Amino acid sequence: MACFAAELGHRAVVVHSRRLVLGVDGGRLTLADTGGRSLPAPAVAYARLSTPRLSPDREVTLLRHLAAMGTQLINPAEAVLASVNKFWQLQQLAAAGIPVPDTRTHTDAPLEDMLDAGVPQPCVVKAVRGHRGRRVFLATDDKALRGVAGSLDDRHPYLLQRYVAHSHGRDLRVIVVDGRAVAAAVRAAGDDRLVSNLAQGGTHTVCTGRYPDAEALAVEAADAIGLGVAGVDLLFEEDGSFVVCEVNCNPTWRPDMPGVAEAIAIACRSRLEAVG
């Protein structure tokens, strides 16, 4: 918050969504706190949302309400929705010509029927909605995949994605703010795990500027999704190139990645100045 205070002074304030009440009064959209006090819609907002619990009926409704009241959102509602659905973001990335791993998914078709249609082998299996590397595993072949298909939680579809072997247990996280890569770090698993997420004991090595092509690709990916602030995860290919694995709308960063909070505060200030 100190960075926002330095850039915006008294104009910056933190508001928890649990204290907000949305409304329509006489055909006009309204915003109030839980104490009944009317609130003006902010000119600019950067929403830090809990993506594991994010719901179109809650957090996305709030973003839509603010936008309809004239608020400029650093991360718009549609971009947030795309980023929390792993296949929605692949659709947008591929349409923009950004390299992503070959992937299959399903809607109403049972997972076993999708296997009959053919999937990458070996493949990474991940839930279309997931976080912190959970519900992600490697199926070495069709037999292994069929062996676990019946036990997977079927409340969400799954992605079956080409296994990028050269990147096993590591990826490159790039933080993008307003079309600029402001920080990057290689994340590596602590053992032979597939996923390099820090929440599962992985390591983190800051390397901002070491992989300029990857950082440029991350900027393109954030723009394709429509996010002003994004954490883009890239996988290392054997030939030295990269593919985009995921784009996150609510990235976290560590103290050894300076400049991220400042960049977000500057992005908010520039938008405020633009609207006068």
C-alpha atoms as a PDB file:
ATOM      1  CA  MET A   1       0.000   0.000   0.000  1.00  0.00           C
ATOM      2  CA  ALA A   2       2.983   2.332   0.548  1.00  0.00           C
ATOM      3  CA  CYS A   3       3.650   2.375  -3.207  1.00  0.00           C
ATOM      4  CA  PHE A   4       0.064   3.419  -3.900  1.00  0.00           C
ATOM      5  CA  ALA A   5       0.232   6.128  -1.239  1.00  0.00           C
ATOM      6  CA  ALA A   6       3.432   7.445  -2.801  1.00  0.00           C
ATOM      7  CA  GLU A   7       1.918   7.592  -6.285  1.00  0.00           C
ATOM      8  CA  LEU A   8      -1.684   8.514  -5.462  1.00  0.00           C
ATOM      9  CA  GLY A   9      -1.682  10.026  -1.973  1.00  0.00           C
ATOM     10  CA  HIS A  10      -5.102  10.212  -0.345  1.00  0.00           C
ATOM     11  CA  ARG A  11      -6.783   9.088  -3.585  1.00  0.00           C
ATOM     12  CA  ALA A  12      -5.731   5.458  -2.937  1.00  0.00           C
ATOM     13  CA  VAL A  13      -7.832   3.318  -0.609  1.00  0.00           C
ATOM     14  CA  VAL A  14      -8.221  -0.401   0.025  1.00  0.00           C
ATOM     15  CA  VAL A  15     -11.821  -1.645   0.149  1.00  0.00           C
ATOM     16  CA  HIS A  16     -12.756  -5.251   0.962  1.00  0.00           C
ATOM     17  CA  SER A  17     -15.472  -6.678  -1.269  1.00  0.00           C
ATOM     18  CA  ARG A  18     -17.252  -8.196   1.736  1.00  0.00           C
ATOM     19  CA  ARG A  19     -18.112  -4.657   2.832  1.00  0.00           C
ATOM     20  CA  LEU A  20     -19.790  -3.643  -0.433  1.00  0.00           C
ATOM     21  CA  VAL A  21     -23.466  -3.681  -1.354  1.00  0.00           C
ATOM     22  CA  LEU A  22     -24.457  -3.364  -5.016  1.00  0.00           C
ATOM     23  CA  GLY A  23     -27.812  -2.058  -6.069  1.00  0.00           C
ATOM     24  CA  VAL A  24     -30.212  -0.592  -8.598  1.00  0.00           C
ATOM     25  CA  ASP A  25     -32.246   2.353  -7.306  1.00  0.00           C
ATOM     26  CA  GLY A  26     -34.777   4.068  -9.543  1.00  0.00           C
ATOM     27  CA  GLY A  27     -33.065   2.635 -12.602  1.00  0.00           C
ATOM     28  CA  ARG A  28     -29.638   3.864 -11.473  1.00  0.00           C
ATOM     29  CA  LEU A  29     -26.767   1.648 -10.382  1.00  0.00           C
ATOM     30  CA  THR A  30     -25.631   2.243  -6.808  1.00  0.00           C
ATOM     31  CA  LEU A  31     -22.779   1.282  -4.529  1.00  0.00           C
ATOM     32  CA  ALA A  32     -22.845   1.368  -0.735  1.00  0.00           C
ATOM     33  CA  ASP A  33     -21.081  -0.112   2.263  1.00  0.00           C
ATOM     34  CA  THR A  34     -22.654  -2.559   4.668  1.00  0.00           C
ATOM     35  CA  GLY A  35     -23.396   0.321   7.005  1.00  0.00           C
ATOM     36  CA  GLY A  36     -25.731   1.831   4.414  1.00  0.00           C
ATOM     37  CA  ARG A  37     -23.438   4.697   3.426  1.00  0.00           C
ATOM     38  CA  SER A  38     -23.552   5.552  -0.291  1.00  0.00           C
ATOM     39  CA  LEU A  39     -20.196   5.274  -2.040  1.00  0.00           C
ATOM     40  CA  PRO A  40     -19.047   6.783  -5.328  1.00  0.00           C
ATOM     41  CA  ALA A  41     -17.716   4.332  -7.877  1.00  0.00           C
ATOM     42  CA  PRO A  42     -13.905   4.550  -8.030  1.00  0.00           C
ATOM     43  CA  ALA A  43     -12.414   6.103 -11.130  1.00  0.00           C
ATOM     44  CA  VAL A  44      -9.850   3.281 -11.349  1.00  0.00           C
ATOM     45  CA  ALA A  45      -9.722  -0.077  -9.581  1.00  0.00           C
ATOM     46  CA  TYR A  46      -7.247  -2.928  -9.368  1.00  0.00           C
ATOM     47  CA  ALA A  47      -9.067  -5.935  -7.909  1.00  0.00           C
ATOM     48  CA  ARG A  48      -7.099  -8.577  -6.019  1.00  0.00           C
ATOM     49  CA  LEU A  49      -9.394 -11.587  -6.219  1.00  0.00           C
ATOM     50  CA  SER A  50      -9.185 -15.063  -4.731  1.00  0.00           C
ATOM     51  CA  THR A  51      -9.155 -16.978  -7.998  1.00  0.00           C
ATOM     52  CA  PRO A  52      -9.749 -20.444  -6.451  1.00  0.00           C
ATOM     53  CA  ARG A  53     -13.127 -19.229  -5.157  1.00  0.00           C
ATOM     54  CA  LEU A  54     -13.877 -16.710  -7.891  1.00  0.00           C
ATOM     55  CA  SER A  55     -17.505 -16.857  -9.008  1.00  0.00           C
ATOM     56  CA  PRO A  56     -19.394 -15.154 -11.839  1.00  0.00           C
ATOM     57  CA  ASP A  57     -22.189 -14.599  -9.316  1.00  0.00           C
ATOM     58  CA  ARG A  58     -19.949 -12.793  -6.826  1.00  0.00           C
ATOM     59  CA  GLU A  59     -16.574 -11.308  -7.772  1.00  0.00           C
ATOM     60  CA  VAL A  60     -17.290 -11.013 -11.493  1.00  0.00           C
ATOM     61  CA  THR A  61     -20.643  -9.409 -10.731  1.00  0.00           C
ATOM     62  CA  LEU A  62     -18.792  -6.787  -8.697  1.00  0.00           C
ATOM     63  CA  LEU A  63     -16.374  -6.083 -11.559  1.00  0.00           C
ATOM     64  CA  ARG A  64     -19.241  -5.771 -14.040  1.00  0.00           C
ATOM     65  CA  HIS A  65     -21.088  -3.433 -11.681  1.00  0.00           C
ATOM     66  CA  LEU A  66     -18.083  -1.160 -11.242  1.00  0.00           C
ATOM     67  CA  ALA A  67     -17.431  -1.067 -14.987  1.00  0.00           C
ATOM     68  CA  ALA A  68     -21.066  -0.180 -15.663  1.00  0.00           C
ATOM     69  CA  MET A  69     -20.736   2.680 -13.174  1.00  0.00           C
ATOM     70  CA  GLY A  70     -17.756   4.046 -15.113  1.00  0.00           C
ATOM     71  CA  THR A  71     -14.806   2.525 -13.253  1.00  0.00           C
ATOM     72  CA  GLN A  72     -11.716   1.721 -15.309  1.00  0.00           C
ATOM     73  CA  LEU A  73     -10.643  -1.758 -14.297  1.00  0.00           C
ATOM     74  CA  ILE A  74      -6.971  -2.645 -14.574  1.00  0.00           C
ATOM     75  CA  ASN A  75      -8.141  -6.228 -15.141  1.00  0.00           C
ATOM     76  CA  PRO A  76     -11.603  -6.217 -16.790  1.00  0.00           C
ATOM     77  CA  ALA A  77     -14.226  -8.819 -15.916  1.00  0.00           C
ATOM     78  CA  GLU A  78     -14.025 -10.694 -19.227  1.00  0.00           C
ATOM     79  CA  ALA A  79     -10.250 -10.961 -18.968  1.00  0.00           C
ATOM     80  CA  VAL A  80     -10.516 -12.257 -15.411  1.00  0.00           C
ATOM     81  CA  LEU A  81     -13.039 -14.885 -16.498  1.00  0.00           C
ATOM     82  CA  ALA A  82     -10.787 -16.018 -19.337  1.00  0.00           C
ATOM     83  CA  SER A  83      -7.765 -16.289 -17.062  1.00  0.00           C
ATOM     84  CA  VAL A  84      -9.451 -18.538 -14.487  1.00  0.00           C
ATOM     85  CA  ASN A  85     -10.644 -21.013 -17.118  1.00  0.00           C
ATOM     86  CA  LYS A  86      -7.537 -22.712 -18.463  1.00  0.00           C
ATOM     87  CA  PHE A  87      -9.128 -23.567 -21.803  1.00  0.00           C
ATOM     88  CA  TRP A  88     -10.738 -20.168 -22.360  1.00  0.00           C
ATOM     89  CA  GLN A  89      -7.306 -18.595 -22.158  1.00  0.00           C
ATOM     90  CA  LEU A  90      -5.844 -21.174 -24.533  1.00  0.00           C
ATOM     91  CA  GLN A  91      -8.582 -20.295 -27.024  1.00  0.00           C
ATOM     92  CA  GLN A  92      -7.627 -16.620 -26.929  1.00  0.00           C
ATOM     93  CA  LEU A  93      -3.888 -17.235 -26.949  1.00  0.00           C
ATOM     94  CA  ALA A  94      -4.049 -19.593 -29.930  1.00  0.00           C
ATOM     95  CA  ALA A  95      -6.335 -17.213 -31.834  1.00  0.00           C
ATOM     96  CA  ALA A  96      -3.705 -14.500 -31.309  1.00  0.00           C
ATOM     97  CA  GLY A  97      -0.973 -16.743 -32.734  1.00  0.00           C
ATOM     98  CA  ILE A  98       0.777 -17.251 -29.398  1.00  0.00           C
ATOM     99  CA  PRO A  99       2.438 -20.673 -28.988  1.00  0.00           C
ATOM    100  CA  VAL A 100       0.731 -22.986 -26.481  1.00  0.00           C
ATOM    101  CA  PRO A 101       0.984 -26.772 -25.935  1.00  0.00           C
ATOM    102  CA  ASP A 102      -1.362 -28.974 -27.982  1.00  0.00           C
ATOM    103  CA  THR A 103      -4.411 -29.599 -25.807  1.00  0.00           C
ATOM    104  CA  ARG A 104      -7.699 -31.510 -25.770  1.00  0.00           C
ATOM    105  CA  THR A 105     -10.705 -30.909 -23.560  1.00  0.00           C
ATOM    106  CA  HIS A 106     -14.367 -31.915 -23.380  1.00  0.00           C
ATOM    107  CA  THR A 107     -17.757 -30.466 -22.518  1.00  0.00           C
ATOM    108  CA  ASP A 108     -20.528 -33.059 -22.168  1.00  0.00           C
ATOM    109  CA  ALA A 109     -18.507 -35.980 -23.514  1.00  0.00           C
ATOM    110  CA  PRO A 110     -17.247 -38.389 -20.822  1.00  0.00           C
ATOM    111  CA  LEU A 111     -13.496 -38.240 -20.331  1.00  0.00           C
ATOM    112  CA  GLU A 112     -13.159 -41.862 -21.460  1.00  0.00           C
ATOM    113  CA  ASP A 113     -14.795 -40.998 -24.809  1.00  0.00           C
ATOM    114  CA  MET A 114     -12.322 -38.163 -25.313  1.00  0.00           C
ATOM    115  CA  LEU A 115      -9.495 -40.664 -24.899  1.00  0.00           C
ATOM    116  CA  ASP A 116     -10.960 -42.750 -27.714  1.00  0.00           C
ATOM    117  CA  ALA A 117     -10.742 -39.703 -29.990  1.00  0.00           C
ATOM    118  CA  GLY A 118      -6.994 -39.427 -29.368  1.00  0.00           C
ATOM    119  CA  VAL A 119      -4.974 -37.254 -27.005  1.00  0.00           C
ATOM    120  CA  PRO A 120      -1.306 -36.223 -26.728  1.00  0.00           C
ATOM    121  CA  GLN A 121       0.881 -38.949 -25.218  1.00  0.00           C
ATOM    122  CA  PRO A 122       2.399 -38.609 -22.722  1.00  0.00           C
ATOM    123  CA  CYS A 123       0.179 -35.822 -21.494  1.00  0.00           C
ATOM    124  CA  VAL A 124      -0.290 -33.482 -18.579  1.00  0.00           C
ATOM    125  CA  VAL A 125      -3.753 -33.760 -17.044  1.00  0.00           C
ATOM    126  CA  LYS A 126      -5.156 -30.713 -15.297  1.00  0.00           C
ATOM    127  CA  ALA A 127      -8.569 -29.503 -14.201  1.00  0.00           C
ATOM    128  CA  VAL A 128      -9.919 -26.603 -16.249  1.00  0.00           C
ATOM    129  CA  ARG A 129     -10.258 -24.745 -12.937  1.00  0.00           C
ATOM    130  CA  GLY A 130      -7.285 -25.228 -10.635  1.00  0.00           C
ATOM    131  CA  HIS A 131      -4.680 -23.312  -8.663  1.00  0.00           C
ATOM    132  CA  ARG A 132      -1.276 -23.664  -6.996  1.00  0.00           C
ATOM    133  CA  GLY A 133      -0.427 -26.718  -9.053  1.00  0.00           C
ATOM    134  CA  ARG A 134      -3.147 -28.846  -7.534  1.00  0.00           C
ATOM    135  CA  ARG A 135      -5.057 -31.424  -9.611  1.00  0.00           C
ATOM    136  CA  VAL A 136      -2.215 -31.600 -12.130  1.00  0.00           C
ATOM    137  CA  PHE A 137      -0.385 -34.817 -12.963  1.00  0.00           C
ATOM    138  CA  LEU A 138       1.494 -36.591 -15.739  1.00  0.00           C
ATOM    139  CA  ALA A 139       0.004 -39.599 -17.554  1.00  0.00           C
ATOM    140  CA  THR A 140       2.839 -41.430 -19.272  1.00  0.00           C
ATOM    141  CA  ASP A 141       0.648 -43.284 -21.779  1.00  0.00           C
ATOM    142  CA  ASP A 142      -2.910 -44.119 -22.752  1.00  0.00           C
ATOM    143  CA  LYS A 143      -3.064 -47.099 -20.381  1.00  0.00           C
ATOM    144  CA  ALA A 144      -2.085 -44.984 -17.374  1.00  0.00           C
ATOM    145  CA  LEU A 145      -4.572 -42.310 -18.325  1.00  0.00           C
ATOM    146  CA  ARG A 146      -7.434 -44.766 -18.682  1.00  0.00           C
ATOM    147  CA  GLY A 147      -6.527 -46.247 -15.330  1.00  0.00           C
ATOM    148  CA  VAL A 148      -7.219 -43.005 -13.485  1.00  0.00           C
ATOM    149  CA  ALA A 149      -9.934 -41.467 -15.686  1.00  0.00           C
ATOM    150  CA  GLY A 150     -12.783 -43.038 -13.750  1.00  0.00           C
ATOM    151  CA  SER A 151     -11.530 -41.683 -10.430  1.00  0.00           C
ATOM    152  CA  LEU A 152     -11.158 -38.041 -11.488  1.00  0.00           C
ATOM    153  CA  ASP A 153     -13.563 -35.488 -10.050  1.00  0.00           C
ATOM    154  CA  ASP A 154     -16.035 -34.897 -12.876  1.00  0.00           C
ATOM    155  CA  ARG A 155     -17.440 -31.603 -11.575  1.00  0.00           C
ATOM    156  CA  HIS A 156     -15.050 -29.804 -13.926  1.00  0.00           C
ATOM    157  CA  PRO A 157     -13.742 -30.703 -17.393  1.00  0.00           C
ATOM    158  CA  TYR A 158     -10.080 -31.624 -17.760  1.00  0.00           C
ATOM    159  CA  LEU A 159      -7.348 -30.565 -20.129  1.00  0.00           C
ATOM    160  CA  LEU A 160      -5.099 -33.199 -21.665  1.00  0.00           C
ATOM    161  CA  GLN A 161      -2.013 -31.300 -22.751  1.00  0.00           C
ATOM    162  CA  ARG A 162       1.241 -32.123 -24.500  1.00  0.00           C
ATOM    163  CA  TYR A 163       3.976 -32.895 -22.001  1.00  0.00           C
ATOM    164  CA  VAL A 164       6.870 -30.466 -22.471  1.00  0.00           C
ATOM    165  CA  ALA A 165       9.564 -32.788 -21.160  1.00  0.00           C
ATOM    166  CA  HIS A 166      12.404 -30.263 -21.309  1.00  0.00           C
ATOM    167  CA  SER A 167      10.508 -28.096 -18.805  1.00  0.00           C
ATOM    168  CA  HIS A 168       9.689 -30.891 -16.339  1.00  0.00           C
ATOM    169  CA  GLY A 169       9.563 -29.410 -12.845  1.00  0.00           C
ATOM    170  CA  ARG A 170      10.370 -25.847 -13.889  1.00  0.00           C
ATOM    171  CA  ASP A 171       8.828 -22.858 -15.592  1.00  0.00           C
ATOM    172  CA  LEU A 172       9.405 -19.154 -16.080  1.00  0.00           C
ATOM    173  CA  ARG A 173       7.007 -16.775 -14.314  1.00  0.00           C
ATOM    174  CA  VAL A 174       6.877 -13.277 -15.824  1.00  0.00           C
ATOM    175  CA  ILE A 175       4.953 -10.458 -14.162  1.00  0.00           C
ATOM    176  CA  VAL A 176       3.492  -8.112 -16.769  1.00  0.00           C
ATOM    177  CA  VAL A 177       2.093  -4.681 -15.925  1.00  0.00           C
ATOM    178  CA  ASP A 178       0.602  -2.414 -18.566  1.00  0.00           C
ATOM    179  CA  GLY A 179       2.421  -4.014 -21.478  1.00  0.00           C
ATOM    180  CA  ARG A 180       5.806  -4.297 -19.772  1.00  0.00           C
ATOM    181  CA  ALA A 181       7.583  -7.248 -18.196  1.00  0.00           C
ATOM    182  CA  VAL A 182       8.561  -5.882 -14.784  1.00  0.00           C
ATOM    183  CA  ALA A 183       9.891  -9.081 -13.165  1.00  0.00           C
ATOM    184  CA  ALA A 184      10.718 -12.664 -14.032  1.00  0.00           C
ATOM    185  CA  ALA A 185      11.784 -15.749 -12.108  1.00  0.00           C
ATOM    186  CA  VAL A 186      12.545 -19.385 -12.837  1.00  0.00           C
ATOM    187  CA  ARG A 187      10.543 -21.650 -10.554  1.00  0.00           C
ATOM    188  CA  ALA A 188      11.756 -25.209  -9.978  1.00  0.00           C
ATOM    189  CA  ALA A 189      10.297 -28.156  -8.100  1.00  0.00           C
ATOM    190  CA  GLY A 190      12.090 -29.278  -4.967  1.00  0.00           C
ATOM    191  CA  ASP A 191      12.207 -32.910  -6.141  1.00  0.00           C
ATOM    192  CA  ASP A 192      11.070 -34.798  -9.246  1.00  0.00           C
ATOM    193  CA  ARG A 193       7.594 -33.240  -9.103  1.00  0.00           C
ATOM    194  CA  LEU A 194       5.997 -32.150 -12.343  1.00  0.00           C
ATOM    195  CA  VAL A 195       4.734 -28.835 -11.014  1.00  0.00           C
ATOM    196  CA  SER A 196       7.087 -26.091  -9.856  1.00  0.00           C
ATOM    197  CA  ASN A 197       4.590 -24.136  -7.768  1.00  0.00           C
ATOM    198  CA  LEU A 198       6.123 -22.482  -4.708  1.00  0.00           C
ATOM    199  CA  ALA A 199       3.138 -23.561  -2.608  1.00  0.00           C
ATOM    200  CA  GLN A 200       4.345 -27.136  -3.111  1.00  0.00           C
ATOM    201  CA  GLY A 201       7.904 -26.503  -1.958  1.00  0.00           C
ATOM    202  CA  GLY A 202       9.458 -25.222  -5.177  1.00  0.00           C
ATOM    203  CA  THR A 203      12.351 -22.765  -5.442  1.00  0.00           C
ATOM    204  CA  HIS A 204      12.375 -19.328  -7.030  1.00  0.00           C
ATOM    205  CA  THR A 205      15.297 -17.621  -8.794  1.00  0.00           C
ATOM    206  CA  VAL A 206      14.850 -14.061 -10.041  1.00  0.00           C
ATOM    207  CA  CYS A 207      16.115 -13.673 -13.605  1.00  0.00           C
ATOM    208  CA  THR A 208      14.548 -10.465 -14.937  1.00  0.00           C
ATOM    209  CA  GLY A 209      16.070  -9.650 -18.324  1.00  0.00           C
ATOM    210  CA  ARG A 210      17.752 -13.043 -18.832  1.00  0.00           C
ATOM    211  CA  TYR A 211      15.138 -14.318 -21.293  1.00  0.00           C
ATOM    212  CA  PRO A 212      14.051 -11.283 -23.345  1.00  0.00           C
ATOM    213  CA  ASP A 213      12.187 -13.349 -25.957  1.00  0.00           C
ATOM    214  CA  ALA A 214      10.167 -15.055 -23.237  1.00  0.00           C
ATOM    215  CA  GLU A 215       9.379 -11.733 -21.576  1.00  0.00           C
ATOM    216  CA  ALA A 216       8.188 -10.315 -24.906  1.00  0.00           C
ATOM    217  CA  LEU A 217       5.999 -13.403 -25.387  1.00  0.00           C
ATOM    218  CA  ALA A 218       4.539 -12.914 -21.895  1.00  0.00           C
ATOM    219  CA  VAL A 219       3.605  -9.341 -22.768  1.00  0.00           C
ATOM    220  CA  GLU A 220       1.821 -10.585 -25.895  1.00  0.00           C
ATOM    221  CA  ALA A 221      -0.026 -13.210 -23.865  1.00  0.00           C
ATOM    222  CA  ALA A 222      -1.242 -10.724 -21.256  1.00  0.00           C
ATOM    223  CA  ASP A 223      -2.444  -8.433 -24.046  1.00  0.00           C
ATOM    224  CA  ALA A 224      -4.252 -11.298 -25.804  1.00  0.00           C
ATOM    225  CA  ILE A 225      -6.200 -12.064 -22.620  1.00  0.00           C
ATOM    226  CA  GLY A 226      -6.806  -8.364 -21.938  1.00  0.00           C
ATOM    227  CA  LEU A 227      -5.089  -8.126 -18.547  1.00  0.00           C
ATOM    228  CA  GLY A 228      -3.331  -5.002 -17.342  1.00  0.00           C
ATOM    229  CA  VAL A 229      -1.623  -7.013 -14.604  1.00  0.00           C
ATOM    230  CA  ALA A 230      -0.784 -10.672 -15.210  1.00  0.00           C
ATOM    231  CA  GLY A 231       1.488 -13.479 -14.154  1.00  0.00           C
ATOM    232  CA  VAL A 232       2.430 -15.447 -17.268  1.00  0.00           C
ATOM    233  CA  ASP A 233       3.892 -18.940 -16.881  1.00  0.00           C
ATOM    234  CA  LEU A 234       6.046 -20.174 -19.754  1.00  0.00           C
ATOM    235  CA  LEU A 235       7.541 -23.603 -20.417  1.00  0.00           C
ATOM    236  CA  PHE A 236      11.054 -24.210 -21.767  1.00  0.00           C
ATOM    237  CA  GLU A 237      11.241 -26.037 -25.099  1.00  0.00           C
ATOM    238  CA  GLU A 238      14.335 -28.077 -25.997  1.00  0.00           C
ATOM    239  CA  ASP A 239      15.203 -25.780 -28.915  1.00  0.00           C
ATOM    240  CA  GLY A 240      15.411 -22.741 -26.639  1.00  0.00           C
ATOM    241  CA  SER A 241      11.967 -21.373 -27.461  1.00  0.00           C
ATOM    242  CA  PHE A 242       9.018 -21.032 -25.060  1.00  0.00           C
ATOM    243  CA  VAL A 243       5.336 -21.877 -24.995  1.00  0.00           C
ATOM    244  CA  VAL A 244       2.761 -20.212 -22.760  1.00  0.00           C
ATOM    245  CA  CYS A 245       1.396 -22.576 -20.147  1.00  0.00           C
ATOM    246  CA  GLU A 246      -0.953 -20.272 -18.234  1.00  0.00           C
ATOM    247  CA  VAL A 247      -1.886 -16.622 -17.734  1.00  0.00           C
ATOM    248  CA  ASN A 248      -2.930 -15.626 -14.226  1.00  0.00           C
ATOM    249  CA  CYS A 249      -4.962 -12.540 -13.327  1.00  0.00           C
ATOM    250  CA  ASN A 250      -3.978 -12.490  -9.650  1.00  0.00           C
ATOM    251  CA  PRO A 251      -0.201 -13.025  -9.580  1.00  0.00           C
ATOM    252  CA  THR A 252       1.790 -12.963  -6.387  1.00  0.00           C
ATOM    253  CA  TRP A 253       5.354 -11.760  -6.184  1.00  0.00           C
ATOM    254  CA  ARG A 254       8.141 -12.055  -3.651  1.00  0.00           C
ATOM    255  CA  PRO A 255      10.152  -9.309  -1.929  1.00  0.00           C
ATOM    256  CA  ASP A 256      13.137 -10.064  -4.184  1.00  0.00           C
ATOM    257  CA  MET A 257      11.072  -8.959  -7.208  1.00  0.00           C
ATOM    258  CA  PRO A 258      11.099  -5.185  -6.653  1.00  0.00           C
ATOM    259  CA  GLY A 259       9.170  -2.810  -8.827  1.00  0.00           C
ATOM    260  CA  VAL A 260       5.963  -4.818  -9.279  1.00  0.00           C
ATOM    261  CA  ALA A 261       3.825  -2.922  -6.769  1.00  0.00           C
ATOM    262  CA  GLU A 262       5.270   0.378  -7.993  1.00  0.00           C
ATOM    263  CA  ALA A 263       4.410  -0.506 -11.588  1.00  0.00           C
ATOM    264  CA  ILE A 264       0.800  -1.288 -10.633  1.00  0.00           C
ATOM    265  CA  ALA A 265       0.511   1.987  -8.724  1.00  0.00           C
ATOM    266  CA  ILE A 266       1.874   3.884 -11.735  1.00  0.00           C
ATOM    267  CA  ALA A 267      -0.645   2.096 -13.989  1.00  0.00           C
ATOM    268  CA  CYS A 268      -3.456   3.298 -11.736  1.00  0.00           C
ATOM    269  CA  ARG A 269      -2.085   6.842 -11.665  1.00  0.00           C
ATOM    270  CA  SER A 270      -1.756   7.018 -15.447  1.00  0.00           C
ATOM    271  CA  ARG A 271      -5.400   6.036 -15.834  1.00  0.00           C
ATOM    272  CA  LEU A 272      -6.481   8.596 -13.259  1.00  0.00           C
ATOM    273  CA  GLU A 273      -4.575  11.293 -15.091  1.00  0.00           C
ATOM    274  CA  ALA A 274      -6.177  10.246 -18.368  1.00  0.00           C
ATOM    275  CA  VAL A 275      -9.702  10.683 -16.986  1.00  0.00           C
ATOM    276  CA  GLY A 276      -8.799  13.965 -15.352  1.00  0.00           C
END
